[in-house]
Protein backbone atom coordinates (compact mmCIF):
# COMPACT_ATOMS: atom_id res chain seq x y z
CA UNK A 1 0.00 0.00 0.00
CA UNK A 2 2.91 2.36 0.71
CA UNK A 3 4.17 1.74 -2.84
CA UNK A 4 0.71 2.51 -4.20
CA UNK A 5 0.35 5.74 -2.26
CA UNK A 6 3.86 6.84 -3.26
CA UNK A 7 2.96 6.39 -6.92
CA UNK A 8 -0.29 8.17 -6.24
CA UNK A 9 1.46 11.24 -4.87
CA UNK A 10 3.90 11.40 -7.82
CA UNK A 11 1.12 11.14 -10.35
CA UNK A 12 -1.04 13.66 -8.49
CA UNK A 13 1.47 16.47 -8.99
CA UNK A 14 1.43 16.31 -12.79
CA UNK A 15 -2.19 15.81 -13.83
CA UNK A 16 -5.63 17.32 -13.44
CA UNK A 17 -7.84 16.23 -10.53
CA UNK A 18 -10.40 14.51 -12.76
CA UNK A 19 -7.75 12.48 -14.59
CA UNK A 20 -6.10 11.73 -11.25
CA UNK A 21 -9.35 10.30 -9.86
CA UNK A 22 -9.77 8.08 -12.91
CA UNK A 23 -6.16 6.90 -12.79
CA UNK A 24 -6.22 6.10 -9.09
CA UNK A 25 -9.53 4.30 -9.47
CA UNK A 26 -7.99 2.31 -12.32
CA UNK A 27 -4.99 1.43 -10.17
CA UNK A 28 -7.18 0.27 -7.32
CA UNK A 29 -9.49 -1.75 -9.53
CA UNK A 30 -6.47 -3.15 -11.38
CA UNK A 31 -5.01 -4.42 -8.13
CA UNK A 32 -8.34 -5.97 -7.16
CA UNK A 33 -8.47 -7.73 -10.55
CA UNK A 34 -4.86 -8.83 -10.78
CA UNK A 35 -4.76 -10.34 -7.31
CA UNK A 36 -7.55 -12.79 -8.06
CA UNK A 37 -5.15 -15.73 -8.43
CA UNK A 38 -5.09 -18.67 -6.03
CA UNK A 39 -6.19 -22.21 -5.38
CA UNK A 40 -9.53 -23.60 -4.33
CA UNK A 41 -8.36 -24.36 -0.78
CA UNK A 42 -10.41 -22.50 1.83
CA UNK A 43 -8.58 -20.04 4.09
CA UNK A 44 -7.47 -21.18 7.52
CA UNK A 45 -6.40 -19.36 10.65
CA UNK A 46 -2.91 -17.97 10.22
CA UNK A 47 -2.80 -18.44 6.44
CA UNK A 48 -0.85 -16.14 4.14
CA UNK A 49 -3.86 -13.98 3.34
CA UNK A 50 -4.30 -13.24 7.04
CA UNK A 51 -0.66 -12.14 7.29
CA UNK A 52 -0.69 -9.88 4.23
CA UNK A 53 -4.23 -8.50 4.23
CA UNK A 54 -5.86 -8.27 7.64
CA UNK A 55 -9.66 -7.80 7.91
CA UNK A 56 -8.98 -4.21 9.03
CA UNK A 57 -6.84 -3.49 5.95
CA UNK A 58 -9.51 -5.11 3.77
CA UNK A 59 -12.03 -2.72 5.29
CA UNK A 60 -9.80 0.28 4.50
CA UNK A 61 -9.34 -0.88 0.90
CA UNK A 62 -13.09 -1.41 0.65
CA UNK A 63 -13.74 2.16 1.80
CA UNK A 64 -11.29 3.47 -0.82
CA UNK A 65 -13.04 1.40 -3.47
CA UNK A 66 -16.42 2.66 -2.22
CA UNK A 67 -15.38 6.31 -2.54
CA UNK A 68 -14.19 5.66 -6.08
CA UNK A 69 -17.53 4.07 -6.99
CA UNK A 70 -19.49 6.93 -5.43
CA UNK A 71 -17.44 9.47 -7.39
CA UNK A 72 -17.48 7.75 -10.78
CA UNK A 73 -20.70 5.74 -11.15
CA UNK A 74 -24.36 6.78 -11.22
CA UNK A 75 -26.25 5.53 -8.15
CA UNK A 76 -29.84 4.35 -8.05
CA UNK A 77 -32.17 7.03 -6.67
CA UNK A 78 -35.28 4.92 -6.11
CA UNK A 79 -35.42 4.31 -2.32
CA UNK A 80 -37.86 1.41 -2.74
CA UNK A 81 -35.42 -0.43 -5.01
CA UNK A 82 -32.48 0.36 -2.72
CA UNK A 83 -34.35 -0.89 0.34
CA UNK A 84 -35.32 -4.13 -1.38
CA UNK A 85 -31.74 -4.87 -2.44
CA UNK A 86 -30.44 -4.18 1.07
CA UNK A 87 -33.11 -6.18 2.90
CA UNK A 88 -32.79 -9.15 0.56
CA UNK A 89 -28.97 -9.21 0.71
CA UNK A 90 -28.94 -9.08 4.50
CA UNK A 91 -31.62 -11.75 4.70
CA UNK A 92 -29.62 -14.03 2.40
CA UNK A 93 -26.37 -13.25 4.26
CA UNK A 94 -27.68 -14.97 7.39
CA UNK A 95 -27.72 -18.26 5.44
CA UNK A 96 -24.21 -17.70 4.03
CA UNK A 97 -20.74 -18.37 5.48
CA UNK A 98 -20.13 -14.68 6.18
CA UNK A 99 -18.69 -14.10 9.65
CA UNK A 100 -19.23 -10.34 9.57
CA UNK A 101 -22.22 -8.30 8.50
CA UNK A 102 -22.29 -6.65 5.12
CA UNK A 103 -20.93 -3.14 5.42
CA UNK A 104 -22.35 -1.34 2.37
CA UNK A 105 -24.68 -2.46 -0.41
CA UNK A 106 -24.64 -0.33 -3.56
CA UNK A 107 -27.13 -0.24 -6.41
CA UNK A 108 -25.64 1.16 -9.61
CA UNK A 109 -27.94 2.87 -12.11
CA UNK A 110 -26.65 0.86 -15.06
CA UNK A 111 -28.62 -1.34 -17.46
CA UNK A 112 -25.87 -3.94 -17.94
CA UNK A 113 -26.01 -7.17 -15.95
CA UNK A 114 -23.33 -7.08 -13.27
CA UNK A 115 -22.72 -7.66 -9.57
CA UNK A 116 -19.60 -7.35 -7.46
CA UNK A 117 -18.09 -7.98 -4.05
CA UNK A 118 -15.25 -5.78 -2.79
CA UNK A 119 -12.99 -6.06 0.27
CA UNK A 120 -14.39 -4.99 3.62
CA UNK A 121 -17.95 -6.24 3.16
CA UNK A 122 -18.88 -4.00 0.22
CA UNK A 123 -21.29 -5.57 -2.25
CA UNK A 124 -23.32 -4.20 -5.10
CA UNK A 125 -25.38 -4.81 -8.18
CA UNK A 126 -26.29 -3.03 -11.37
CA UNK A 127 -30.01 -2.45 -11.90
CA UNK A 128 -29.49 -4.60 -15.00
CA UNK A 129 -29.36 -7.66 -12.76
CA UNK A 130 -32.99 -7.06 -11.77
CA UNK A 131 -33.87 -6.62 -15.44
CA UNK A 132 -32.20 -9.88 -16.47
CA UNK A 133 -32.94 -12.25 -13.59
CA UNK A 134 -36.35 -13.77 -14.31
CA UNK A 135 -37.38 -14.44 -10.72
CA UNK A 136 -36.26 -14.13 -7.11
CA UNK A 137 -34.39 -17.44 -7.33
CA UNK A 138 -32.14 -16.36 -10.21
CA UNK A 139 -31.55 -12.99 -8.58
CA UNK A 140 -30.75 -14.68 -5.25
CA UNK A 141 -28.25 -17.01 -6.88
CA UNK A 142 -26.14 -14.06 -8.07
CA UNK A 143 -26.26 -12.45 -4.62
CA UNK A 144 -25.36 -15.76 -2.94
CA UNK A 145 -22.42 -16.08 -5.34
CA UNK A 146 -21.12 -12.62 -4.38
CA UNK A 147 -21.55 -13.37 -0.68
CA UNK A 148 -19.38 -16.45 -1.22
CA UNK A 149 -16.59 -14.27 -2.65
CA UNK A 150 -16.73 -12.21 0.55
CA UNK A 151 -16.97 -15.12 2.98
CA UNK A 152 -13.96 -16.84 1.38
CA UNK A 153 -11.90 -13.62 1.40
CA UNK A 154 -10.98 -14.08 -2.24
CA UNK A 155 -9.35 -10.67 -2.39
CA UNK A 156 -6.96 -11.41 0.49
CA UNK A 157 -6.21 -14.91 -0.75
CA UNK A 158 -5.49 -13.53 -4.20
CA UNK A 159 -2.95 -11.05 -2.83
CA UNK A 160 -1.04 -13.89 -1.19
CA UNK A 161 -1.18 -16.08 -4.31
CA UNK A 162 0.05 -13.39 -6.70
CA UNK A 163 2.48 -11.42 -4.52
CA UNK A 164 5.45 -12.54 -6.64
CA UNK A 165 4.04 -11.02 -9.83
CA UNK A 166 2.02 -8.07 -8.56
CA UNK A 167 4.88 -5.55 -8.27
CA UNK A 168 6.33 -6.11 -11.79
CA UNK A 169 2.87 -5.91 -13.31
CA UNK A 170 2.04 -2.81 -11.28
CA UNK A 171 5.34 -1.19 -12.24
CA UNK A 172 4.57 -1.58 -15.95
CA UNK A 173 1.09 -0.25 -15.22
CA UNK A 174 2.54 2.85 -13.54
CA UNK A 175 4.84 3.36 -16.54
CA UNK A 176 1.88 3.30 -18.91
CA UNK A 177 0.00 5.81 -16.74
CA UNK A 178 2.99 8.16 -16.60
CA UNK A 179 3.28 8.05 -20.42
CA UNK A 180 -0.30 9.21 -20.60
CA UNK A 181 0.15 11.82 -17.88
CA UNK A 182 3.13 13.26 -19.74
CA UNK A 183 0.99 14.04 -22.76
CA UNK A 184 0.99 10.87 -24.84
CA UNK A 185 -2.47 9.90 -23.64
CA UNK A 186 -3.28 7.57 -26.55
CA UNK A 187 -0.01 5.69 -26.12
CA UNK A 188 -0.57 5.55 -22.38
CA UNK A 189 -4.06 4.13 -22.76
CA UNK A 190 -2.79 1.55 -25.25
CA UNK A 191 -0.08 0.45 -22.83
CA UNK A 192 -2.57 0.45 -19.99
CA UNK A 193 -4.94 -1.81 -21.95
CA UNK A 194 -2.09 -4.14 -22.90
CA UNK A 195 -0.98 -4.38 -19.27
CA UNK A 196 -4.49 -5.20 -18.12
CA UNK A 197 -4.95 -7.80 -20.85
CA UNK A 198 -1.68 -9.53 -19.99
CA UNK A 199 -2.50 -9.59 -16.28
CA UNK A 200 -6.03 -10.86 -16.86
CA UNK A 201 -4.83 -13.61 -19.18
CA UNK A 202 -2.26 -14.74 -16.63
CA UNK A 203 -4.84 -14.96 -13.84
CA UNK A 204 -7.80 -16.33 -15.83
CA UNK A 205 -7.32 -19.98 -14.87
CA UNK A 206 -7.25 -19.14 -11.18
CA UNK A 207 -10.16 -16.75 -11.56
CA UNK A 208 -12.27 -19.53 -13.06
CA UNK A 209 -11.43 -21.72 -10.08
CA UNK A 210 -12.63 -18.97 -7.75
CA UNK A 211 -15.89 -18.65 -9.68
CA UNK A 212 -16.57 -22.38 -9.39
CA UNK A 213 -15.79 -22.24 -5.68
CA UNK A 214 -18.21 -19.33 -5.21
CA UNK A 215 -20.87 -21.16 -7.23
CA UNK A 216 -20.59 -24.17 -4.92
CA UNK A 217 -20.66 -22.16 -1.70
CA UNK A 218 -23.47 -19.98 -3.05
CA UNK A 219 -25.52 -23.11 -3.78
CA UNK A 220 -25.24 -24.11 -0.12
CA UNK A 221 -26.54 -20.67 0.82
CA UNK A 222 -29.44 -21.19 -1.60
CA UNK A 223 -30.17 -24.58 -0.03
CA UNK A 224 -30.27 -23.18 3.50
CA UNK A 225 -32.54 -20.35 2.33
CA UNK A 226 -34.91 -22.87 0.64
CA UNK A 227 -34.42 -21.45 -2.84
CA UNK A 228 -34.37 -23.13 -6.26
CA UNK A 229 -30.97 -24.76 -6.72
CA UNK A 230 -31.28 -24.82 -10.51
CA UNK A 231 -31.63 -21.03 -10.76
CA UNK A 232 -27.88 -20.52 -11.18
CA UNK A 233 -27.69 -23.04 -14.03
CA UNK A 234 -30.50 -21.22 -15.82
CA UNK A 235 -28.70 -17.89 -15.44
CA UNK A 236 -25.36 -19.26 -16.64
CA UNK A 237 -26.87 -21.02 -19.64
CA UNK A 238 -28.80 -17.93 -20.67
CA UNK A 239 -25.68 -15.75 -20.43
CA UNK A 240 -23.70 -18.31 -22.43
CA UNK A 241 -26.37 -18.32 -25.12
CA UNK A 242 -26.49 -14.52 -25.25
CA UNK A 243 -22.70 -14.37 -25.43
CA UNK A 244 -22.66 -16.31 -28.72
CA UNK A 245 -24.39 -13.46 -30.53
CA UNK A 246 -22.41 -10.54 -29.12
CA UNK A 247 -19.19 -8.92 -30.25
CA UNK A 248 -18.39 -8.27 -26.58
CA UNK A 249 -19.44 -10.50 -23.67
CA UNK A 250 -21.93 -9.26 -21.06
CA UNK A 251 -20.27 -7.18 -18.35
CA UNK A 252 -20.95 -9.91 -15.77
CA UNK A 253 -18.84 -12.39 -17.75
CA UNK A 254 -15.87 -10.01 -17.90
CA UNK A 255 -15.49 -10.26 -14.12
CA UNK A 256 -17.04 -13.72 -13.72
CA UNK A 257 -15.46 -15.96 -16.39
CA UNK A 258 -17.81 -18.57 -17.84
CA UNK A 259 -16.89 -21.99 -19.19
CA UNK A 260 -18.59 -25.30 -19.97
CA UNK A 261 -16.82 -26.72 -16.91
CA UNK A 262 -18.44 -24.13 -14.69
CA UNK A 263 -21.94 -24.85 -16.02
CA UNK A 264 -21.43 -28.61 -15.74
CA UNK A 265 -20.14 -28.24 -12.19
CA UNK A 266 -23.15 -26.09 -11.24
CA UNK A 267 -25.52 -28.75 -12.62
CA UNK A 268 -23.74 -31.55 -10.76
CA UNK A 269 -23.65 -29.64 -7.50
CA UNK A 270 -27.34 -28.73 -7.72
CA UNK A 271 -28.23 -32.37 -8.45
CA UNK A 272 -26.14 -33.63 -5.55
CA UNK A 273 -27.64 -31.16 -3.08
CA UNK A 274 -31.18 -31.93 -4.25
CA UNK A 275 -30.66 -35.66 -3.83
CA UNK A 276 -29.39 -35.19 -0.28
CA UNK A 277 -32.46 -33.20 0.85
CA UNK A 278 -36.06 -34.30 0.41
CA UNK A 279 -38.61 -31.87 -1.07
CA UNK A 280 -40.59 -32.05 2.18
CA UNK A 281 -37.50 -30.93 4.11
CA UNK A 282 -36.91 -27.86 1.93
CA UNK A 283 -40.09 -26.25 0.62
CA UNK A 284 -39.16 -23.46 -1.77
CA UNK A 285 -39.07 -20.08 -0.06
CA UNK A 286 -41.52 -17.47 -1.34
CA UNK A 287 -40.25 -14.59 0.75
CA UNK A 288 -39.43 -11.58 -1.44
CA UNK A 289 -40.90 -13.28 -4.54
CA UNK A 290 -43.76 -10.88 -5.14
CA UNK A 291 -41.81 -7.83 -3.97
CA UNK A 292 -39.08 -8.71 -6.47
CA UNK A 293 -41.65 -8.71 -9.29
CA UNK A 294 -42.94 -5.27 -8.25
CA UNK A 295 -39.41 -3.89 -7.94
CA UNK A 296 -38.68 -5.25 -11.40
CA UNK A 297 -41.69 -3.30 -12.73
CA UNK A 298 -40.14 -0.12 -11.32
CA UNK A 299 -36.77 -0.85 -12.92
CA UNK A 300 -38.40 -1.64 -16.29
CA UNK A 301 -40.23 1.69 -16.12
CA UNK A 302 -36.97 3.48 -15.27
CA UNK A 303 -35.18 2.03 -18.32
CA UNK A 304 -38.09 2.12 -20.77
CA UNK A 305 -37.15 3.71 -24.10
CA UNK A 306 -40.22 5.93 -24.02
CA UNK A 307 -43.36 6.37 -21.90
CA UNK A 308 -45.43 5.25 -24.90
CA UNK A 309 -43.64 1.91 -25.27
CA UNK A 310 -43.88 1.29 -21.53
CA UNK A 311 -47.62 2.04 -21.58
CA UNK A 312 -48.20 -0.26 -24.55
CA UNK A 313 -46.25 -3.14 -22.98
CA UNK A 314 -48.00 -2.73 -19.64
CA UNK A 315 -51.45 -2.60 -21.22
CA UNK A 316 -50.76 -5.73 -23.26
CA UNK A 317 -49.48 -7.65 -20.22
CA UNK A 318 -52.50 -6.60 -18.20
CA UNK A 319 -54.89 -7.69 -20.96
CA UNK A 320 -53.14 -11.06 -21.27
CA UNK A 321 -53.14 -11.73 -17.53
CA UNK A 322 -55.34 -9.20 -15.68
CA UNK A 323 -55.19 -11.09 -12.38
CA UNK A 324 -51.39 -10.91 -12.10
CA UNK A 325 -50.45 -8.40 -9.36
CA UNK A 326 -47.30 -7.23 -11.17
CA UNK A 327 -49.32 -6.46 -14.32
CA UNK A 328 -51.89 -4.44 -12.39
CA UNK A 329 -49.07 -2.63 -10.57
CA UNK A 330 -47.46 -1.70 -13.91
CA UNK A 331 -50.85 -0.61 -15.24
CA UNK A 332 -51.17 1.92 -12.40
CA UNK A 333 -47.91 3.55 -13.56
CA UNK A 334 -49.17 3.53 -17.16
CA UNK A 335 -52.34 5.37 -16.15
CA UNK A 336 -50.26 7.95 -14.28
CA UNK A 337 -47.98 8.47 -17.30
CA UNK A 338 -50.94 9.38 -19.53
CA UNK A 339 -52.38 11.75 -16.92
CA UNK A 340 -55.19 9.53 -15.66
CA UNK A 341 -54.16 10.10 -12.07
CA UNK A 342 -57.47 9.27 -10.39
CA UNK A 343 -57.57 5.95 -12.22
CA UNK A 344 -53.92 5.27 -11.32
CA UNK A 345 -54.61 5.79 -7.61
CA UNK A 346 -57.75 3.66 -7.87
CA UNK A 347 -55.70 0.91 -9.54
CA UNK A 348 -53.25 0.90 -6.63
CA UNK A 349 -56.07 1.01 -4.10
CA UNK A 350 -57.48 -2.15 -5.68
CA UNK A 351 -54.18 -3.88 -4.86
CA UNK A 352 -54.11 -2.98 -1.15
CA UNK A 353 -55.02 -6.53 -0.06
CA UNK A 354 -52.92 -8.18 -2.78
CA UNK A 355 -49.53 -6.51 -2.24
CA UNK A 356 -47.77 -8.55 0.44
CA UNK A 357 -45.35 -5.82 1.54
CA UNK A 358 -47.65 -3.04 2.69
CA UNK A 359 -44.80 -0.52 2.71
CA UNK A 360 -44.60 -0.97 -1.08
CA UNK A 361 -48.32 -0.22 -1.31
CA UNK A 362 -48.12 2.94 0.81
CA UNK A 363 -45.00 4.24 -0.91
CA UNK A 364 -46.46 3.72 -4.38
CA UNK A 365 -49.81 5.31 -3.52
CA UNK A 366 -48.05 8.37 -2.05
CA UNK A 367 -45.81 8.50 -5.13
CA UNK A 368 -48.78 8.47 -7.52
CA UNK A 369 -50.54 11.16 -5.48
CA UNK A 370 -47.45 13.35 -5.79
CA UNK A 371 -47.49 12.75 -9.55
CA UNK A 372 -51.12 13.90 -9.46
CA UNK A 373 -49.99 17.07 -7.62
CA UNK A 374 -51.96 16.04 -4.55
CA UNK A 375 -49.32 16.35 -1.79
CA UNK A 376 -51.90 16.83 0.98
CA UNK A 377 -53.47 13.45 0.14
CA UNK A 378 -50.02 11.91 -0.13
CA UNK A 379 -49.26 13.21 3.36
CA UNK A 380 -52.39 11.52 4.75
CA UNK A 381 -51.27 8.19 3.32
CA UNK A 382 -47.73 8.58 4.66
CA UNK A 383 -48.77 9.63 8.17
CA UNK A 384 -50.67 6.35 8.41
CA UNK A 385 -47.71 4.44 6.96
CA UNK A 386 -45.27 6.03 9.42
CA UNK A 387 -47.36 4.83 12.35
CA UNK A 388 -46.89 1.24 11.17
CA UNK A 389 -43.34 1.65 9.80
CA UNK A 390 -41.78 4.47 11.88
CA UNK A 391 -38.17 4.05 10.70
CA UNK A 392 -38.73 2.79 7.18
CA UNK A 393 -36.16 4.29 4.79
CA UNK A 394 -38.30 4.61 1.61
CA UNK A 395 -41.31 5.88 3.54
CA UNK A 396 -39.13 8.52 5.24
CA UNK A 397 -37.66 9.61 1.90
CA UNK A 398 -41.01 10.13 0.20
CA UNK A 399 -42.37 11.72 3.39
CA UNK A 400 -39.62 14.36 3.17
CA UNK A 401 -40.39 14.86 -0.53
CA UNK A 402 -44.07 15.34 0.28
CA UNK A 403 -43.31 17.84 3.06
CA UNK A 404 -41.15 19.79 0.60
CA UNK A 405 -44.02 19.82 -1.90
CA UNK A 406 -46.19 21.39 0.81
CA UNK A 407 -43.55 24.01 1.62
CA UNK A 408 -42.87 22.49 5.06
CA UNK A 409 -39.12 22.61 4.56
CA UNK A 410 -38.05 22.65 8.22
CA UNK A 411 -39.97 19.43 8.90
CA UNK A 412 -38.55 17.78 5.78
CA UNK A 413 -35.05 18.77 6.89
CA UNK A 414 -35.61 17.11 10.28
CA UNK A 415 -36.79 13.89 8.61
CA UNK A 416 -33.70 13.73 6.40
CA UNK A 417 -31.38 14.65 9.28
CA UNK A 418 -32.77 11.67 11.21
CA UNK A 419 -32.11 9.47 8.16
CA UNK A 420 -28.44 10.49 8.03
CA UNK A 421 -28.01 9.01 11.51
CA UNK A 422 -29.22 5.59 10.39
CA UNK A 423 -27.67 5.88 6.89
CA UNK A 424 -24.45 7.90 7.38
CA UNK A 425 -22.85 6.54 4.17
CA UNK A 426 -25.78 7.16 1.83
CA UNK A 427 -24.77 9.84 -0.70
CA UNK A 428 -28.36 10.23 -1.96
CA UNK A 429 -29.67 11.09 1.52
CA UNK A 430 -26.90 13.67 2.09
CA UNK A 431 -27.57 15.22 -1.32
CA UNK A 432 -31.30 15.53 -0.59
CA UNK A 433 -30.58 16.97 2.85
CA UNK A 434 -28.37 19.68 1.32
CA UNK A 435 -31.11 20.61 -1.14
CA UNK A 436 -33.79 20.67 1.57
CA UNK A 437 -31.64 22.69 3.99
CA UNK A 438 -31.32 25.29 1.21
CA UNK A 439 -35.09 25.43 0.83
CA UNK A 440 -35.39 25.83 4.60
CA UNK A 441 -32.93 28.75 4.55
CA UNK A 442 -30.39 26.86 6.66
CA UNK A 443 -27.24 27.83 4.77
CA UNK A 444 -24.81 26.36 7.30
CA UNK A 445 -26.83 23.12 7.08
CA UNK A 446 -26.39 23.15 3.29
CA UNK A 447 -22.59 23.32 3.66
CA UNK A 448 -22.44 20.67 6.38
CA UNK A 449 -24.49 18.23 4.30
CA UNK A 450 -22.42 18.94 1.20
CA UNK A 451 -19.24 18.40 3.22
CA UNK A 452 -20.44 14.90 4.15
CA UNK A 453 -21.50 14.24 0.56
CA UNK A 454 -18.07 15.16 -0.81
CA UNK A 455 -16.28 13.21 1.93
CA UNK A 456 -18.11 10.06 0.81
CA UNK A 457 -16.95 10.82 -2.74
CA UNK A 458 -13.33 11.07 -1.65
CA UNK A 459 -13.28 14.77 -2.59
CA UNK A 460 -11.67 15.78 0.70
CA UNK A 461 -10.52 19.25 -0.35
CA UNK A 462 -14.06 20.18 -1.37
CA UNK A 463 -15.38 18.72 1.87
CA UNK A 464 -13.01 20.95 3.86
CA UNK A 465 -14.14 23.98 1.85
CA UNK A 466 -17.77 23.41 2.79
CA UNK A 467 -16.87 22.80 6.44
CA UNK A 468 -15.03 26.12 6.50
CA UNK A 469 -18.01 27.87 4.86
CA UNK A 470 -20.28 26.41 7.55
CA UNK A 471 -17.86 27.40 10.29
CA UNK A 472 -17.91 31.03 9.17
CA UNK A 473 -21.71 31.08 9.45
CA UNK A 474 -21.88 29.80 13.02
CA UNK A 475 -22.98 32.07 15.85
CA UNK A 476 -20.55 32.79 18.68
CA UNK A 477 -22.48 30.61 21.14
CA UNK A 478 -22.34 27.50 18.91
CA UNK A 479 -19.03 26.38 20.42
CA UNK A 480 -19.78 22.65 20.45
CA UNK A 481 -20.67 22.62 16.76
CA UNK A 482 -17.57 24.70 15.97
CA UNK A 483 -15.34 22.24 17.84
CA UNK A 484 -16.90 19.32 15.97
CA UNK A 485 -16.24 21.03 12.63
CA UNK A 486 -12.63 21.75 13.68
CA UNK A 487 -12.14 18.06 14.39
CA UNK A 488 -13.67 17.04 11.03
CA UNK A 489 -11.33 19.43 9.18
CA UNK A 490 -8.34 18.12 11.12
CA UNK A 491 -9.26 14.49 10.33
CA UNK A 492 -9.64 15.25 6.63
CA UNK A 493 -6.31 17.07 6.46
CA UNK A 494 -4.64 14.08 8.10
CA UNK A 495 -6.15 11.81 5.45
CA UNK A 496 -4.85 14.07 2.69
CA UNK A 497 -1.40 14.20 4.31
CA UNK A 498 -1.24 10.39 4.59
CA UNK A 499 -2.39 9.96 0.99
CA UNK A 500 0.27 12.36 -0.27
CA UNK A 501 3.12 11.00 1.86
């Protein structure tokens, strides 16, 4: 890590901040990718990975990776989708081999199918996974697979396995980056790509072994959670089929190499596990099944090419199967899109007894009432929902939005401030708090929220700027708040000093 930070400081002096962020992110991700070598043996106490990469260091690397993701990738802004992904992942984690809780679960606003696990308990998905997985079982298999990567500490084991080759590869990587930084950007990028390709080719065999290991461990998680053990085979076969007709493989396959051996192994493992457990002993779990279908409707709407095509598809599905809850749910959005707001709300009301997760019902009804420019009615719905779900993240988010629509900015600010205590690493919540504090006329609150937002992005200089702006706005009697800001600035300056040393 000292070598990495030394290179970082040298590069930082000669390039723009935006290029620097991209380069350092590339270095970090490159290291994560190139250290994926190793054997299929599970880690033991006192193994090499424990000596080189401690859980605490993994956590630090994970936080660095997280800041890079926050700064460079678009994040999902639908709180209902975010909450589903988090609840499902944590539910599934209790059936996995994870010894520590998941730290952060990200949802990337990208249409491509991908999922990832990073050091320190960081996991995430692209929204494209929800689009492509046909049911909760297929979706769960991908999540179980990523949990297996975390539980087996594949990152740490990879560092130990590839320590002999990492420094030479990284040195050539640094050389390519410096060529680009010096002005020959095309040549630098070409060298960078060549270095990555060589490293990936060298580690591919070991990477495939890790994927098979994660498939096997993930299947055991699926078994304990009473989920369909053949779901992973279906996903793999569908991706393999799709890959035959593409010039470039799906994003998921770039980081999760696929082979006939892997598919065959998944089939054999599923068959073996099924034969060792009777159907009576493991009835298939239906938890999250319906909610997944409704969340998928929301993601399909988000990525629809046009409102018209979404409306046409929803209407057709509802005509073909009018009793299906997901079709009626989609139809309510279609009615809202064409301005038939009363009918849209009536359509959701008709589903009140059919939607299993009542928080989804209340959130969606409030959402449609806001679309209808009926914030007072939305507030009535949410006040009832809050009584039953007092600390529910999506309900709190749309409650704040509704209060803002009614001009009750101070109340909305208090709701979002409470959310930052339970979700201190959520960039979307901090962004919304900054906007709402501005509406409420709390200028120091705007700067404090923006400072936290930029800290989570790794933009520490900008974070310090906003803390200093807030400090200058404090009254003389606000000594405790001033001392807290002083400490935050000091901590950030120490981080910058360490990074540049």
